[in-house]
Amino acid sequence: MRRLYTQWILAGLGAALLAWCGFLLDGCGAASRTVRPDSEEAPEAAFEPEEAEPAPEKPAPEAKPASAPTPAAPAAKPAADQPLVASDACMPSLDRGVALAKNGDLGGAEQSFKAALAADPKCFQAENNLGLLQMRRNNYQTAADHFSRALTMRPDYAEAALNRAMIYALEGDARRGVLFVETVLAKNPQSGPLKGALARMLVAAGDSARAVETAKQALKANEQDVTALMALGWAFYQQGKQELAAMVFKNIVAIDESQAEAHFGMAVVAKRQDKKADAQQNFLNAIRWRDAFPEAHLNLGIYYLETEEFDKAADSFKKAIEYNPRLAEAWLNLGAAYAGLGKEREALDAYDRAEKLNPGLKELNFNRALVYFQIEPPRPANQTPQEEVRYIENLSRRLEMAKGYFGKYQRDAGELPADDPTGDYLKEIETMQKNNERAVKRVKQRQEREEQKRQDKKADAQQNFLNAIRWRDAFPEA
């Protein structure tokens, strides 16, 4: 059975890197778009808000309220030695919100972050985390407002700068995101974290060579800068330097084993190297450290699809959907798992959900075609000829539906690769329809022969009754 377009979702691949920074302890994540089954793609970040650190003795200077988001960076610049920490007033609510977010309670997390801001209106981490929540909900403008306010409070806040820039990437303009971070960096030229953020955006924009150089500059200031290291790893991956990418991701894990994206990076490198067992284990490791990582669950589910463990695959895709209900690829692949289980209605419903989220998923029509092509309704036992004809005719109608969906897929997809199987499927459908026509004809011919036999027996019986009467008219029974 062919399962089409199961997404190998990787972070840091060209304009597909639609990432945003989450927890300070966990670096940045990324978002995905639809790709061919042989392609890799960038993951959408599981929501990971920034954790609070102990407050400094001297509070941060007060900043002006943020205006509507704009590519221009805030003008104010904090003291060079001002730490990126939360105040004592907002720390309890901030920590609580982080814990709730890690457990998947995003509604509770939102209330906690708002409480942190109520306790300290200058709690820039809470603004950043509220922005992350809005990004998860695809409310980009509202998210941008939060990130802009965080930058107004802390103009060299690299996480907020990168998150704001990533909104441009999510909207299809990664280069504008690069310009935004460059503007912030120009006003804070000594900031190593901002250089790491710029490296991430350069990867998103597909400029891997410059991303490597920028990441190295950030690492000169702090050789354990996870954001810079992550950018370096994905830049090497983008350049096809798999061994170097794997080495960087392993270094990140050595620095902090809980960096889920680094495990994810090791997984996708292993997948590229066709080390399936290593890839699967690293996806599991990523999930162990960050269960709210829909892309890791999605890729793990793909392994189960390929080994035809459809129940496990369905469970993985459901988990991905739990953390990101708007991940169209998860619904697409869940449909494939249901199709493998023979659950036609559930498969078609999952495809419908995927289409609502992403109407441009041309692969959906291929997968819908497979449902009608591969799943046969159960054949009732002891069918009458009439029932058998109706069953075969239903199969033919299903094949006709499959043919229609394959045709729509071909029209929407445009030029197809040489190994695309659609043409072969259409030829097989034509053969199967002809076989069904012959089968119906045979059943009807058999039915006609049986009916003729019944008529002949009836005629014979009638003739024998007449013969009996002819020889004995006084024969009331005859």
Protein backbone atom coordinates (compact mmCIF):
# COMPACT_ATOMS: atom_id res chain seq x y z
CA MET A 1 0.00 0.00 0.00
CA ARG A 2 1.33 3.41 -0.96
CA ARG A 3 1.22 6.11 1.72
CA LEU A 4 1.75 9.42 0.02
CA TYR A 5 3.40 12.58 1.23
CA THR A 6 4.34 11.64 4.75
CA GLN A 7 6.37 14.62 5.90
CA TRP A 8 9.96 14.29 7.06
CA ILE A 9 9.96 17.62 8.86
CA LEU A 10 13.33 19.15 9.52
CA ALA A 11 14.35 22.44 11.05
CA GLY A 12 16.33 25.04 9.20
CA LEU A 13 15.70 24.28 5.55
CA GLY A 14 15.59 27.44 3.49
CA ALA A 15 12.48 29.57 3.49
CA ALA A 16 10.63 26.66 5.03
CA LEU A 17 12.22 27.44 8.41
CA LEU A 18 9.18 29.02 10.00
CA ALA A 19 10.53 28.97 13.52
CA TRP A 20 10.26 30.94 16.67
CA CYS A 21 12.20 30.91 19.90
CA GLY A 22 10.63 29.28 22.89
CA PHE A 23 12.05 28.52 26.29
CA LEU A 24 15.40 30.08 26.96
CA LEU A 25 16.51 26.59 27.90
CA ASP A 26 15.28 25.05 24.67
CA GLY A 27 16.27 27.40 21.89
CA CYS A 28 14.09 27.73 18.82
CA GLY A 29 11.72 25.52 16.93
CA ALA A 30 10.26 25.71 13.42
CA ALA A 31 7.15 25.16 11.29
CA SER A 32 6.43 23.04 8.22
CA ARG A 33 4.81 23.19 4.84
CA THR A 34 3.80 20.39 2.52
CA VAL A 35 6.56 18.54 0.66
CA ARG A 36 6.98 15.48 -1.49
CA PRO A 37 7.52 12.24 0.46
CA ASP A 38 11.21 12.18 -0.36
CA SER A 39 11.76 15.73 0.91
CA GLU A 40 12.58 17.09 4.33
CA GLU A 41 10.92 20.09 5.84
CA ALA A 42 11.10 22.50 8.72
CA PRO A 43 9.14 21.80 11.89
CA GLU A 44 6.76 24.07 13.64
CA ALA A 45 7.98 24.88 17.10
CA ALA A 46 6.23 23.33 20.00
CA PHE A 47 5.25 26.19 22.27
CA GLU A 48 8.05 26.65 24.74
CA PRO A 49 7.92 29.93 26.63
CA GLU A 50 10.94 31.43 28.22
CA GLU A 51 11.65 30.43 31.79
CA ALA A 52 12.36 33.00 34.43
CA GLU A 53 15.70 33.46 36.18
CA PRO A 54 16.32 35.03 39.60
CA ALA A 55 15.87 38.77 39.51
CA PRO A 56 18.84 41.16 39.76
CA GLU A 57 19.14 43.46 42.72
CA LYS A 58 18.79 46.48 40.44
CA PRO A 59 15.55 46.56 38.41
CA ALA A 60 15.59 47.10 34.68
CA PRO A 61 14.90 50.65 33.48
CA GLU A 62 11.30 51.32 32.52
CA ALA A 63 10.50 51.25 28.83
CA LYS A 64 7.79 53.01 26.83
CA PRO A 65 4.71 51.06 25.70
CA ALA A 66 5.09 49.37 22.32
CA SER A 67 3.29 50.60 19.24
CA ALA A 68 2.04 48.42 16.43
CA PRO A 69 4.74 46.01 15.15
CA THR A 70 7.10 47.40 12.57
CA PRO A 71 10.39 46.26 11.05
CA ALA A 72 12.14 49.10 12.81
CA ALA A 73 13.92 48.18 16.03
CA PRO A 74 13.29 50.03 19.30
CA ALA A 75 15.58 53.00 19.77
CA ALA A 76 16.36 52.60 23.46
CA LYS A 77 19.30 50.49 24.50
CA PRO A 78 19.67 48.85 27.92
CA ALA A 79 22.79 48.84 30.01
CA ALA A 80 25.35 46.39 28.70
CA ASP A 81 25.39 44.44 31.95
CA GLN A 82 21.61 44.20 32.35
CA PRO A 83 20.77 40.48 32.65
CA LEU A 84 17.91 38.83 30.81
CA VAL A 85 15.99 37.98 33.97
CA ALA A 86 12.54 38.42 35.38
CA SER A 87 11.65 40.51 38.41
CA ASP A 88 10.71 38.96 41.73
CA ALA A 89 7.16 40.22 41.19
CA CYS A 90 6.51 38.33 37.95
CA MET A 91 8.67 35.23 38.50
CA PRO A 92 6.04 33.04 40.25
CA SER A 93 3.42 33.55 37.55
CA LEU A 94 6.01 33.27 34.78
CA ASP A 95 7.30 29.96 36.16
CA ARG A 96 3.76 28.68 36.56
CA GLY A 97 2.92 29.60 32.99
CA VAL A 98 6.01 27.81 31.71
CA ALA A 99 5.09 24.66 33.63
CA LEU A 100 1.51 24.76 32.34
CA ALA A 101 2.71 25.26 28.77
CA LYS A 102 5.06 22.28 29.03
CA ASN A 103 2.09 20.18 30.14
CA GLY A 104 0.00 21.36 27.20
CA ASP A 105 -2.33 23.64 29.18
CA LEU A 106 -1.97 26.68 26.95
CA GLY A 107 -5.08 28.36 28.28
CA GLY A 108 -3.78 28.16 31.82
CA ALA A 109 -0.36 29.31 30.63
CA GLU A 110 -1.91 32.38 29.01
CA GLN A 111 -3.62 33.37 32.24
CA SER A 112 -0.37 32.93 34.18
CA PHE A 113 1.60 35.13 31.76
CA LYS A 114 -1.06 37.80 31.97
CA ALA A 115 -0.81 37.56 35.76
CA ALA A 116 2.95 38.04 35.47
CA LEU A 117 2.39 41.25 33.50
CA ALA A 118 -0.17 42.41 36.04
CA ALA A 119 2.42 41.90 38.76
CA ASP A 120 5.15 43.63 36.73
CA PRO A 121 4.15 45.52 33.54
CA LYS A 122 7.81 45.36 32.43
CA CYS A 123 7.98 41.54 32.43
CA PHE A 124 9.25 41.21 28.87
CA GLN A 125 9.46 37.39 29.03
CA ALA A 126 5.71 37.24 29.68
CA GLU A 127 5.05 39.43 26.62
CA ASN A 128 7.26 37.15 24.54
CA ASN A 129 5.48 34.04 25.78
CA LEU A 130 2.06 35.51 25.08
CA GLY A 131 3.28 36.17 21.57
CA LEU A 132 4.31 32.53 21.24
CA LEU A 133 0.83 31.45 22.28
CA GLN A 134 -0.70 33.67 19.61
CA MET A 135 1.69 32.29 17.01
CA ARG A 136 0.55 28.80 17.89
CA ARG A 137 -3.00 29.98 17.20
CA ASN A 138 -1.91 31.59 13.91
CA ASN A 139 -2.83 35.04 15.25
CA TYR A 140 0.28 36.60 13.75
CA GLN A 141 -0.63 40.26 14.12
CA THR A 142 -1.47 39.85 17.80
CA ALA A 143 1.72 37.87 18.28
CA ALA A 144 3.71 40.63 16.58
CA ASP A 145 2.22 43.16 19.00
CA HIS A 146 3.43 41.12 21.97
CA PHE A 147 6.93 40.72 20.54
CA SER A 148 7.14 44.43 19.77
CA ARG A 149 6.15 45.28 23.33
CA ALA A 150 8.78 42.86 24.64
CA LEU A 151 11.39 44.59 22.46
CA THR A 152 10.30 47.98 23.70
CA MET A 153 10.87 46.76 27.26
CA ARG A 154 14.18 45.12 26.37
CA PRO A 155 15.57 46.35 23.01
CA ASP A 156 18.31 43.72 22.76
CA TYR A 157 15.99 40.82 23.62
CA ALA A 158 17.13 38.29 21.01
CA GLU A 159 14.27 35.83 21.49
CA ALA A 160 11.59 38.47 20.85
CA ALA A 161 13.54 39.85 17.88
CA LEU A 162 13.80 36.40 16.31
CA ASN A 163 10.17 35.60 17.03
CA ARG A 164 9.02 38.85 15.45
CA ALA A 165 11.23 38.17 12.45
CA MET A 166 9.85 34.64 12.11
CA ILE A 167 6.37 36.05 11.63
CA TYR A 168 7.65 37.51 8.38
CA ALA A 169 8.93 34.05 7.43
CA LEU A 170 5.58 32.50 8.32
CA GLU A 171 3.99 35.05 6.00
CA GLY A 172 6.39 34.04 3.23
CA ASP A 173 9.02 36.78 3.51
CA ALA A 174 12.03 35.40 5.37
CA ARG A 175 14.30 38.08 3.86
CA ARG A 176 12.24 40.77 5.56
CA GLY A 177 12.77 38.86 8.80
CA VAL A 178 16.52 38.98 8.21
CA LEU A 179 16.34 42.75 7.70
CA PHE A 180 14.38 43.13 10.92
CA VAL A 181 16.97 41.29 13.02
CA GLU A 182 19.77 43.19 11.26
CA THR A 183 18.09 46.45 12.26
CA VAL A 184 17.86 45.36 15.90
CA LEU A 185 21.47 44.16 15.82
CA ALA A 186 22.69 47.45 14.32
CA LYS A 187 21.45 49.20 17.45
CA ASN A 188 22.95 46.52 19.72
CA PRO A 189 26.11 45.50 17.79
CA GLN A 190 27.82 43.77 20.70
CA SER A 191 24.93 41.38 21.38
CA GLY A 192 26.02 37.79 20.79
CA PRO A 193 22.47 36.43 21.21
CA LEU A 194 21.22 38.78 18.49
CA LYS A 195 23.92 37.47 16.18
CA GLY A 196 22.69 33.96 16.93
CA ALA A 197 19.15 35.09 16.13
CA LEU A 198 20.35 36.59 12.85
CA ALA A 199 22.04 33.29 11.99
CA ARG A 200 18.74 31.49 12.51
CA MET A 201 16.94 33.88 10.21
CA LEU A 202 19.64 33.55 7.57
CA VAL A 203 19.07 29.80 7.59
CA ALA A 204 15.34 30.47 7.20
CA ALA A 205 16.12 32.67 4.20
CA GLY A 206 18.32 29.98 2.64
CA ASP A 207 21.59 31.91 3.07
CA SER A 208 23.50 29.07 4.73
CA ALA A 209 26.98 30.45 3.96
CA ARG A 210 26.31 33.73 5.73
CA ALA A 211 24.46 31.87 8.49
CA VAL A 212 27.60 29.86 9.23
CA GLU A 213 29.76 32.98 9.46
CA THR A 214 27.24 34.82 11.62
CA ALA A 215 26.80 31.85 13.94
CA LYS A 216 30.58 31.61 14.35
CA GLN A 217 30.70 35.29 15.33
CA ALA A 218 28.05 34.69 17.97
CA LEU A 219 29.95 31.67 19.27
CA LYS A 220 33.09 33.76 19.75
CA ALA A 221 31.20 35.66 22.43
CA ASN A 222 29.68 32.51 23.92
CA GLU A 223 30.71 29.11 22.62
CA GLN A 224 27.66 27.56 24.29
CA ASP A 225 25.10 29.86 22.65
CA VAL A 226 22.45 27.28 21.78
CA THR A 227 20.63 29.51 19.29
CA ALA A 228 23.86 30.07 17.35
CA LEU A 229 24.80 26.40 17.54
CA MET A 230 21.36 25.38 16.32
CA ALA A 231 21.67 27.77 13.40
CA LEU A 232 25.11 26.37 12.62
CA GLY A 233 23.82 22.79 12.68
CA TRP A 234 20.92 23.53 10.34
CA ALA A 235 23.14 25.61 8.05
CA PHE A 236 25.53 22.66 7.70
CA TYR A 237 22.55 20.41 7.05
CA GLN A 238 21.32 22.83 4.43
CA GLN A 239 24.73 22.63 2.75
CA GLY A 240 24.63 18.83 2.71
CA LYS A 241 27.37 18.55 5.34
CA GLN A 242 25.63 15.86 7.33
CA GLU A 243 28.58 14.83 9.51
CA LEU A 244 29.25 18.42 10.57
CA ALA A 245 25.56 18.97 11.28
CA ALA A 246 25.42 15.82 13.39
CA MET A 247 28.52 16.91 15.30
CA VAL A 248 26.99 20.30 16.13
CA PHE A 249 23.70 18.76 17.29
CA LYS A 250 25.63 16.29 19.45
CA ASN A 251 27.58 19.18 20.96
CA ILE A 252 24.32 20.91 21.85
CA VAL A 253 23.10 17.75 23.58
CA ALA A 254 26.40 17.56 25.47
CA ILE A 255 25.84 21.13 26.68
CA ASP A 256 22.20 20.53 27.57
CA GLU A 257 20.66 17.11 27.08
CA SER A 258 17.16 18.58 27.33
CA GLN A 259 17.49 20.45 24.01
CA ALA A 260 14.75 18.63 22.14
CA GLU A 261 15.47 20.32 18.80
CA ALA A 262 19.05 19.03 18.90
CA HIS A 263 17.77 15.47 19.27
CA PHE A 264 15.41 16.24 16.42
CA GLY A 265 18.32 17.48 14.35
CA MET A 266 20.27 14.29 15.03
CA ALA A 267 17.19 12.34 13.96
CA VAL A 268 16.81 14.06 10.61
CA VAL A 269 20.51 13.72 9.86
CA ALA A 270 20.27 10.01 10.64
CA LYS A 271 17.21 9.79 8.41
CA ARG A 272 19.11 11.47 5.58
CA GLN A 273 21.88 8.93 6.09
CA ASP A 274 19.31 6.11 5.99
CA LYS A 275 20.05 5.15 9.61
CA LYS A 276 16.43 4.47 10.42
CA ALA A 277 16.94 2.99 13.88
CA ASP A 278 19.06 5.97 14.97
CA ALA A 279 16.54 8.40 13.50
CA GLN A 280 13.65 6.73 15.28
CA GLN A 281 15.49 6.72 18.61
CA ASN A 282 16.34 10.39 18.32
CA PHE A 283 12.75 11.31 17.50
CA LEU A 284 11.82 9.42 20.66
CA ASN A 285 14.50 11.34 22.57
CA ALA A 286 13.12 14.63 21.29
CA ILE A 287 9.66 13.64 22.49
CA ARG A 288 11.03 12.51 25.85
CA TRP A 289 12.42 15.98 26.49
CA ARG A 290 9.56 17.87 24.87
CA ASP A 291 6.35 15.94 24.54
CA ALA A 292 4.70 19.05 23.09
CA PHE A 293 6.72 18.62 19.87
CA PRO A 294 4.17 17.87 17.14
CA GLU A 295 6.76 17.47 14.38
CA ALA A 296 8.62 14.79 16.32
CA HIS A 297 5.37 12.89 16.89
CA LEU A 298 4.55 13.34 13.20
CA ASN A 299 7.87 11.92 12.01
CA LEU A 300 7.68 9.06 14.48
CA GLY A 301 4.27 8.23 13.11
CA ILE A 302 5.72 8.10 9.62
CA TYR A 303 8.10 5.36 10.76
CA TYR A 304 5.13 3.39 12.00
CA LEU A 305 3.35 3.95 8.68
CA GLU A 306 6.33 2.61 6.78
CA THR A 307 6.41 -0.53 8.94
CA GLU A 308 2.61 -0.81 8.62
CA GLU A 309 2.08 -0.42 12.37
CA PHE A 310 -1.01 1.60 11.67
CA ASP A 311 -2.37 1.73 15.20
CA LYS A 312 0.88 3.21 16.52
CA ALA A 313 1.05 5.58 13.55
CA ALA A 314 -2.47 6.84 14.26
CA ASP A 315 -1.62 7.39 17.92
CA SER A 316 1.47 9.44 16.97
CA PHE A 317 -0.46 11.62 14.54
CA LYS A 318 -3.22 12.16 17.11
CA LYS A 319 -0.53 13.32 19.54
CA ALA A 320 0.82 15.75 16.96
CA ILE A 321 -2.69 17.07 16.42
CA GLU A 322 -3.24 17.39 20.17
CA TYR A 323 -0.35 19.86 20.34
CA ASN A 324 -1.06 21.55 17.02
CA PRO A 325 -4.59 20.98 15.75
CA ARG A 326 -3.83 23.18 12.73
CA LEU A 327 -0.97 21.00 11.45
CA ALA A 328 -2.49 19.92 8.14
CA GLU A 329 0.21 17.34 7.48
CA ALA A 330 -0.69 15.52 10.69
CA TRP A 331 -4.30 15.21 9.54
CA LEU A 332 -3.09 14.10 6.10
CA ASN A 333 -0.96 11.34 7.59
CA LEU A 334 -3.63 10.37 10.12
CA GLY A 335 -5.87 9.74 7.14
CA ALA A 336 -3.21 7.44 5.68
CA ALA A 337 -3.03 5.52 8.97
CA TYR A 338 -6.81 5.13 9.07
CA ALA A 339 -6.76 3.97 5.45
CA GLY A 340 -4.17 1.34 6.42
CA LEU A 341 -6.54 0.18 9.15
CA GLY A 342 -9.37 -0.02 6.63
CA LYS A 343 -11.30 2.78 8.37
CA GLU A 344 -12.65 4.49 5.30
CA ARG A 345 -14.94 7.06 6.93
CA GLU A 346 -12.30 8.12 9.44
CA ALA A 347 -9.68 8.42 6.69
CA LEU A 348 -11.89 10.63 4.54
CA ASP A 349 -12.83 12.78 7.54
CA ALA A 350 -9.13 13.31 8.34
CA TYR A 351 -8.47 14.33 4.74
CA ASP A 352 -11.34 16.79 4.91
CA ARG A 353 -9.82 18.34 8.05
CA ALA A 354 -6.45 18.63 6.32
CA GLU A 355 -8.06 20.34 3.33
CA LYS A 356 -9.84 22.88 5.54
CA LEU A 357 -6.52 23.79 7.12
CA ASN A 358 -4.61 23.86 3.84
CA PRO A 359 -6.79 23.90 0.71
CA GLY A 360 -3.64 23.82 -1.41
CA LEU A 361 -2.73 20.28 -0.39
CA LYS A 362 -2.99 18.73 -3.84
CA GLU A 363 -1.80 15.42 -2.36
CA LEU A 364 -5.16 15.03 -0.66
CA ASN A 365 -6.84 14.03 -3.91
CA PHE A 366 -4.25 11.33 -4.47
CA ASN A 367 -4.80 9.97 -0.97
CA ARG A 368 -8.58 10.14 -1.34
CA ALA A 369 -8.24 8.18 -4.57
CA LEU A 370 -6.28 5.51 -2.72
CA VAL A 371 -9.10 5.10 -0.19
CA TYR A 372 -11.57 4.20 -2.94
CA PHE A 373 -8.96 2.25 -4.89
CA GLN A 374 -7.54 0.12 -2.08
CA ILE A 375 -10.29 -0.33 0.50
CA GLU A 376 -12.91 -2.86 -0.60
CA PRO A 377 -16.21 -3.11 1.27
CA PRO A 378 -16.66 -6.51 2.96
CA ARG A 379 -18.30 -9.04 0.64
CA PRO A 380 -21.40 -10.60 2.25
CA ALA A 381 -21.49 -14.38 2.48
CA ASN A 382 -23.95 -16.43 0.44
CA GLN A 383 -24.82 -13.63 -1.96
CA THR A 384 -27.71 -14.01 -4.34
CA PRO A 385 -26.89 -13.17 -7.97
CA GLN A 386 -28.69 -9.85 -7.57
CA GLU A 387 -26.64 -9.03 -4.45
CA GLU A 388 -23.45 -10.03 -6.20
CA VAL A 389 -24.23 -7.73 -9.14
CA ARG A 390 -24.94 -4.83 -6.78
CA TYR A 391 -21.66 -5.48 -4.94
CA ILE A 392 -19.60 -5.50 -8.15
CA GLU A 393 -21.36 -2.40 -9.45
CA ASN A 394 -20.56 -0.64 -6.15
CA LEU A 395 -16.89 -1.58 -6.63
CA SER A 396 -17.02 -0.05 -10.10
CA ARG A 397 -18.53 3.16 -8.72
CA ARG A 398 -15.73 3.33 -6.17
CA LEU A 399 -13.15 2.84 -8.91
CA GLU A 400 -14.80 5.64 -10.88
CA MET A 401 -14.46 7.91 -7.82
CA ALA A 402 -10.81 6.92 -7.47
CA LYS A 403 -10.30 7.68 -11.15
CA GLY A 404 -11.83 11.13 -10.67
CA TYR A 405 -9.60 11.97 -7.69
CA PHE A 406 -6.47 10.70 -9.47
CA GLY A 407 -7.38 12.85 -12.45
CA LYS A 408 -7.88 15.92 -10.27
CA TYR A 409 -4.54 15.25 -8.60
CA GLN A 410 -2.85 15.11 -12.01
CA ARG A 411 -4.45 18.37 -13.14
CA ASP A 412 -3.58 20.21 -9.92
CA ALA A 413 -0.05 18.85 -9.63
CA GLY A 414 1.05 19.92 -13.10
CA GLU A 415 4.26 18.26 -14.22
CA LEU A 416 4.77 15.03 -12.27
CA PRO A 417 8.04 13.17 -11.65
CA ALA A 418 8.85 10.18 -13.79
CA ASP A 419 8.24 7.75 -10.93
CA ASP A 420 4.79 9.09 -10.04
CA PRO A 421 2.45 6.07 -9.96
CA THR A 422 -0.77 7.86 -10.90
CA GLY A 423 -0.68 6.76 -14.54
CA ASP A 424 -0.14 3.15 -13.49
CA TYR A 425 -3.05 3.34 -11.08
CA LEU A 426 -5.32 4.75 -13.78
CA LYS A 427 -4.35 1.91 -16.14
CA GLU A 428 -5.04 -0.61 -13.38
CA ILE A 429 -8.43 1.01 -12.71
CA GLU A 430 -9.30 0.68 -16.38
CA THR A 431 -8.38 -3.01 -16.29
CA MET A 432 -10.32 -3.57 -13.05
CA GLN A 433 -13.40 -1.83 -14.46
CA LYS A 434 -13.32 -4.05 -17.53
CA ASN A 435 -12.93 -7.11 -15.29
CA ASN A 436 -15.90 -5.92 -13.24
CA GLU A 437 -17.98 -5.47 -16.39
CA ARG A 438 -17.11 -9.02 -17.43
CA ALA A 439 -17.89 -10.28 -13.91
CA VAL A 440 -21.30 -8.60 -13.94
CA LYS A 441 -21.95 -10.05 -17.38
CA ARG A 442 -21.01 -13.55 -16.17
CA VAL A 443 -23.24 -13.26 -13.10
CA LYS A 444 -26.14 -12.05 -15.23
CA GLN A 445 -25.56 -14.84 -17.75
CA ARG A 446 -25.48 -17.37 -14.91
CA GLN A 447 -28.64 -15.81 -13.52
CA GLU A 448 -30.30 -16.08 -16.95
CA ARG A 449 -29.26 -19.74 -17.27
CA GLU A 450 -30.60 -20.52 -13.81
CA GLU A 451 -33.85 -18.70 -14.61
CA GLN A 452 -34.12 -20.64 -17.88
CA LYS A 453 -33.63 -23.87 -15.96
CA ARG A 454 -36.41 -22.89 -13.58
CA GLN A 455 -38.67 -22.03 -16.50
CA ASP A 456 -37.81 -25.31 -18.21
CA LYS A 457 -38.60 -27.28 -15.06
CA LYS A 458 -41.86 -25.40 -14.70
CA ALA A 459 -42.75 -26.15 -18.32
CA ASP A 460 -41.84 -29.84 -17.87
CA ALA A 461 -44.04 -30.04 -14.79
CA GLN A 462 -46.95 -28.44 -16.63
CA GLN A 463 -46.58 -30.84 -19.55
CA ASN A 464 -46.52 -33.85 -17.26
CA PHE A 465 -49.69 -32.69 -15.52
CA LEU A 466 -51.35 -32.44 -18.96
CA ASN A 467 -50.13 -35.91 -19.88
CA ALA A 468 -51.56 -37.32 -16.65
CA ILE A 469 -54.95 -35.75 -17.34
CA ARG A 470 -54.88 -36.98 -20.94
CA TRP A 471 -54.56 -40.57 -19.75
CA ARG A 472 -56.90 -40.20 -16.77
CA ASP A 473 -59.26 -37.31 -16.89
CA ALA A 474 -60.75 -38.35 -13.53
CA PHE A 475 -57.56 -37.26 -11.78
CA PRO A 476 -58.48 -34.35 -9.47
CA GLU A 477 -54.92 -33.85 -8.14
CA ALA A 478 -53.56 -33.43 -11.69
